[in-house]
Amino acid sequence: MAKVLVLKVTMINDKVSYSTAILNKFIEVYKNKYKNDEIIELDLTNEPMAQKALTRDNMGNFWNKDDSEKYIDQLKSVDKLILASPMVNFNIPAILKNYIDHVFLADKLFSYKYSKKGDAIGLLDKLKVQIITTQGAPVGWYPFSSHTEYLRGLWEFAGAKINRPIVISGTKVEPYSKMDINDFVKSELDNIMESLKEF
């Protein structure tokens, strides 16, 4: 039995959110395949920690037991992480960035200690991560931005193994823009099933 943390990060209403729709379908199919796994859902919209951005005025107490250690311990206690993120202004949502700033700490999620080449050693080497990303524009419209690769690199840096990401782009253009949310999810079912094979 595996413990699975599901990280919800969208600020878009669930009824119209592409990333939430794909995440929900992924979890549904996952539960059918791994019936005994424990699923823990964490919606960052409901977490006071995720509302706190790092500034020079709060740097002295930004990392604390309630806002950092609790979430770091949670990450270390699970076997898998499922993360669905829309693109917002060419990057991840601010609440996800705040979460990352709270948990990606040296000697907690990564360490330079005992490194032979000076590179960081990731401490989440038992964690497997499924990244799901959505964006309104097709791939390549904004070559300066890839929130998928940012998230992949970040979790790899922490030592996690990354499953094949589910990347859905062009949600603001046809054919996706002409579909209702249910038809959209059906159109991506093969994509979901393919990623689930190794997760």
Protein backbone atom coordinates (compact mmCIF):
# COMPACT_ATOMS: atom_id res chain seq x y z
CA MET A 1 0.00 0.00 0.00
CA ALA A 2 1.35 3.42 -0.99
CA LYS A 3 0.63 6.83 0.52
CA VAL A 4 -0.19 9.37 -2.17
CA LEU A 5 -0.25 13.15 -1.72
CA VAL A 6 -2.43 15.05 -4.20
CA LEU A 7 -1.48 18.71 -4.44
CA LYS A 8 -4.22 21.00 -5.78
CA VAL A 9 -2.92 24.39 -6.85
CA THR A 10 -5.38 26.04 -9.23
CA MET A 11 -7.21 29.26 -8.50
CA ILE A 12 -9.70 28.53 -11.29
CA ASN A 13 -13.19 27.30 -10.38
CA ASP A 14 -13.27 23.49 -10.37
CA LYS A 15 -16.19 23.39 -12.82
CA VAL A 16 -14.14 25.02 -15.60
CA SER A 17 -10.55 24.16 -14.66
CA TYR A 18 -8.79 21.95 -17.22
CA SER A 19 -6.05 20.99 -14.79
CA THR A 20 -8.55 20.05 -12.07
CA ALA A 21 -10.63 18.04 -14.54
CA ILE A 22 -7.59 16.02 -15.65
CA LEU A 23 -6.39 15.65 -12.05
CA ASN A 24 -9.79 14.35 -10.92
CA LYS A 25 -9.92 11.82 -13.77
CA PHE A 26 -6.34 10.72 -13.05
CA ILE A 27 -7.21 10.16 -9.36
CA GLU A 28 -10.39 8.27 -10.28
CA VAL A 29 -8.50 5.91 -12.60
CA TYR A 30 -5.65 5.63 -10.10
CA LYS A 31 -8.03 4.58 -7.31
CA ASN A 32 -9.51 1.89 -9.54
CA LYS A 33 -6.05 0.50 -10.22
CA TYR A 34 -4.59 0.85 -6.70
CA LYS A 35 -7.59 0.29 -4.46
CA ASN A 36 -5.60 0.00 -1.22
CA ASP A 37 -3.49 3.12 -1.56
CA GLU A 38 -4.09 5.98 0.85
CA ILE A 39 -4.91 9.28 -0.89
CA ILE A 40 -4.22 12.56 0.95
CA GLU A 41 -5.56 15.69 -0.75
CA LEU A 42 -4.01 19.08 -0.03
CA ASP A 43 -5.70 22.09 -1.64
CA LEU A 44 -3.27 24.99 -1.36
CA THR A 45 -6.09 27.50 -1.77
CA ASN A 46 -7.21 26.46 1.73
CA GLU A 47 -3.75 26.57 3.32
CA PRO A 48 -2.73 29.85 5.06
CA MET A 49 0.92 28.95 4.36
CA ALA A 50 0.34 29.13 0.60
CA GLN A 51 -0.93 32.70 0.92
CA LYS A 52 2.41 33.87 2.38
CA ALA A 53 5.03 35.05 -0.09
CA LEU A 54 8.67 35.41 0.94
CA THR A 55 9.72 39.04 1.46
CA ARG A 56 12.60 40.75 3.24
CA ASP A 57 10.15 41.70 6.00
CA ASN A 58 9.19 38.10 6.85
CA MET A 59 12.41 36.25 6.02
CA GLY A 60 13.29 35.82 9.68
CA ASN A 61 10.21 33.76 10.49
CA PHE A 62 9.05 32.53 7.05
CA TRP A 63 10.36 29.00 7.66
CA ASN A 64 8.71 27.71 10.80
CA LYS A 65 7.05 24.61 12.22
CA ASP A 66 3.53 25.37 10.97
CA ASP A 67 4.43 26.77 7.56
CA SER A 68 7.42 24.63 6.59
CA GLU A 69 8.25 21.64 8.80
CA LYS A 70 4.69 20.28 8.75
CA TYR A 71 4.66 20.20 4.93
CA ILE A 72 8.22 18.91 4.64
CA ASP A 73 7.36 16.05 7.01
CA GLN A 74 4.25 15.32 4.95
CA LEU A 75 6.31 15.10 1.73
CA LYS A 76 8.78 12.77 3.39
CA SER A 77 5.96 10.54 4.67
CA VAL A 78 4.41 9.80 1.26
CA ASP A 79 5.48 7.48 -1.55
CA LYS A 80 3.91 9.40 -4.41
CA LEU A 81 2.98 12.97 -5.27
CA ILE A 82 0.39 13.95 -7.88
CA LEU A 83 0.59 17.61 -8.85
CA ALA A 84 -1.62 19.39 -11.41
CA SER A 85 -0.73 22.96 -12.34
CA PRO A 86 -2.18 25.38 -14.86
CA MET A 87 0.08 28.00 -16.41
CA VAL A 88 -0.48 31.48 -14.95
CA ASN A 89 1.36 34.38 -16.54
CA PHE A 90 3.81 31.94 -18.16
CA ASN A 91 4.63 30.15 -14.90
CA ILE A 92 3.15 28.19 -12.00
CA PRO A 93 0.44 29.74 -9.76
CA ALA A 94 1.67 31.93 -6.90
CA ILE A 95 0.26 29.60 -4.23
CA LEU A 96 2.39 26.76 -5.61
CA LYS A 97 5.47 28.99 -5.65
CA ASN A 98 4.80 29.90 -2.02
CA TYR A 99 4.54 26.19 -1.13
CA ILE A 100 7.83 25.50 -2.94
CA ASP A 101 9.54 28.37 -1.13
CA HIS A 102 8.36 26.94 2.21
CA VAL A 103 9.49 23.33 1.63
CA PHE A 104 12.58 23.42 -0.61
CA LEU A 105 15.11 23.90 2.15
CA ALA A 106 18.74 22.81 2.29
CA ASP A 107 19.28 19.79 4.55
CA LYS A 108 15.54 19.10 4.45
CA LEU A 109 14.73 18.23 0.81
CA PHE A 110 18.28 18.45 -0.56
CA SER A 111 21.78 18.61 0.85
CA TYR A 112 25.28 19.60 -0.25
CA LYS A 113 26.75 17.52 2.57
CA TYR A 114 28.80 14.53 1.39
CA SER A 115 28.54 15.68 -2.22
CA LYS A 116 31.73 14.82 -4.09
CA LYS A 117 31.25 17.29 -6.96
CA GLY A 118 29.59 20.13 -5.10
CA ASP A 119 26.19 19.25 -6.57
CA ALA A 120 23.15 18.95 -4.36
CA ILE A 121 21.97 15.52 -3.27
CA GLY A 122 18.19 15.15 -3.33
CA LEU A 123 16.72 13.73 -0.15
CA LEU A 124 13.33 12.68 -1.61
CA ASP A 125 14.81 9.68 -3.40
CA LYS A 126 11.87 7.44 -2.41
CA LEU A 127 9.26 9.80 -3.86
CA LYS A 128 7.66 9.31 -7.27
CA VAL A 129 6.02 12.38 -8.83
CA GLN A 130 3.28 12.66 -11.44
CA ILE A 131 3.18 16.13 -12.99
CA ILE A 132 0.07 17.27 -14.84
CA THR A 133 0.26 20.67 -16.56
CA THR A 134 -2.12 22.68 -18.68
CA GLN A 135 -1.73 25.90 -20.61
CA GLY A 136 -3.94 28.01 -22.84
CA ALA A 137 -1.40 28.42 -25.63
CA PRO A 138 -0.02 25.62 -27.81
CA VAL A 139 3.51 24.41 -27.06
CA GLY A 140 6.11 26.74 -28.53
CA TRP A 141 4.05 29.93 -28.56
CA TYR A 142 6.05 31.20 -25.60
CA PRO A 143 9.51 29.61 -25.88
CA PHE A 144 10.72 31.49 -22.79
CA SER A 145 8.30 29.60 -20.57
CA SER A 146 7.80 25.96 -19.59
CA HIS A 147 6.20 25.41 -16.23
CA THR A 148 6.32 21.67 -16.91
CA GLU A 149 10.12 21.63 -17.19
CA TYR A 150 10.45 23.93 -14.20
CA LEU A 151 8.44 21.49 -12.05
CA ARG A 152 10.28 18.46 -13.44
CA GLY A 153 13.68 20.01 -12.75
CA LEU A 154 12.69 21.12 -9.26
CA TRP A 155 11.47 17.69 -8.11
CA GLU A 156 14.42 15.92 -9.77
CA PHE A 157 16.71 18.31 -7.88
CA ALA A 158 15.06 17.07 -4.66
CA GLY A 159 15.83 13.49 -5.68
CA ALA A 160 12.34 12.41 -6.76
CA LYS A 161 11.67 10.14 -9.71
CA ILE A 162 9.45 11.81 -12.29
CA ASN A 163 6.81 9.81 -14.09
CA ARG A 164 5.97 10.75 -17.70
CA PRO A 165 4.30 14.17 -17.32
CA ILE A 166 0.85 14.76 -18.71
CA VAL A 167 1.17 18.00 -20.69
CA ILE A 168 -1.96 19.52 -22.18
CA SER A 169 -1.46 22.69 -24.18
CA GLY A 170 -3.70 24.84 -26.34
CA THR A 171 -6.75 24.82 -24.09
CA LYS A 172 -7.70 28.33 -25.28
CA VAL A 173 -7.66 27.38 -28.96
CA GLU A 174 -9.52 24.79 -31.02
CA PRO A 175 -10.29 21.96 -30.63
CA TYR A 176 -10.22 22.26 -26.82
CA SER A 177 -11.85 25.70 -26.75
CA LYS A 178 -14.93 24.24 -28.48
CA MET A 179 -15.29 21.28 -26.09
CA ASP A 180 -17.17 21.13 -22.83
CA ILE A 181 -15.12 19.96 -19.87
CA ASN A 182 -16.40 16.36 -20.01
CA ASP A 183 -15.52 15.94 -23.70
CA PHE A 184 -12.14 17.49 -22.98
CA VAL A 185 -11.43 14.88 -20.30
CA LYS A 186 -12.56 12.04 -22.58
CA SER A 187 -10.20 13.28 -25.29
CA GLU A 188 -7.26 12.97 -22.86
CA LEU A 189 -8.12 9.57 -21.38
CA ASP A 190 -5.46 7.72 -23.42
CA ASN A 191 -2.88 10.27 -22.26
CA ILE A 192 -3.89 9.65 -18.63
CA MET A 193 -3.82 5.86 -19.04
CA GLU A 194 -0.37 5.98 -20.65
CA SER A 195 1.13 7.92 -17.73
CA LEU A 196 -0.64 5.73 -15.18
CA LYS A 197 1.05 2.58 -16.54
CA GLU A 198 4.34 3.45 -14.82
CA PHE A 199 2.95 5.24 -11.78
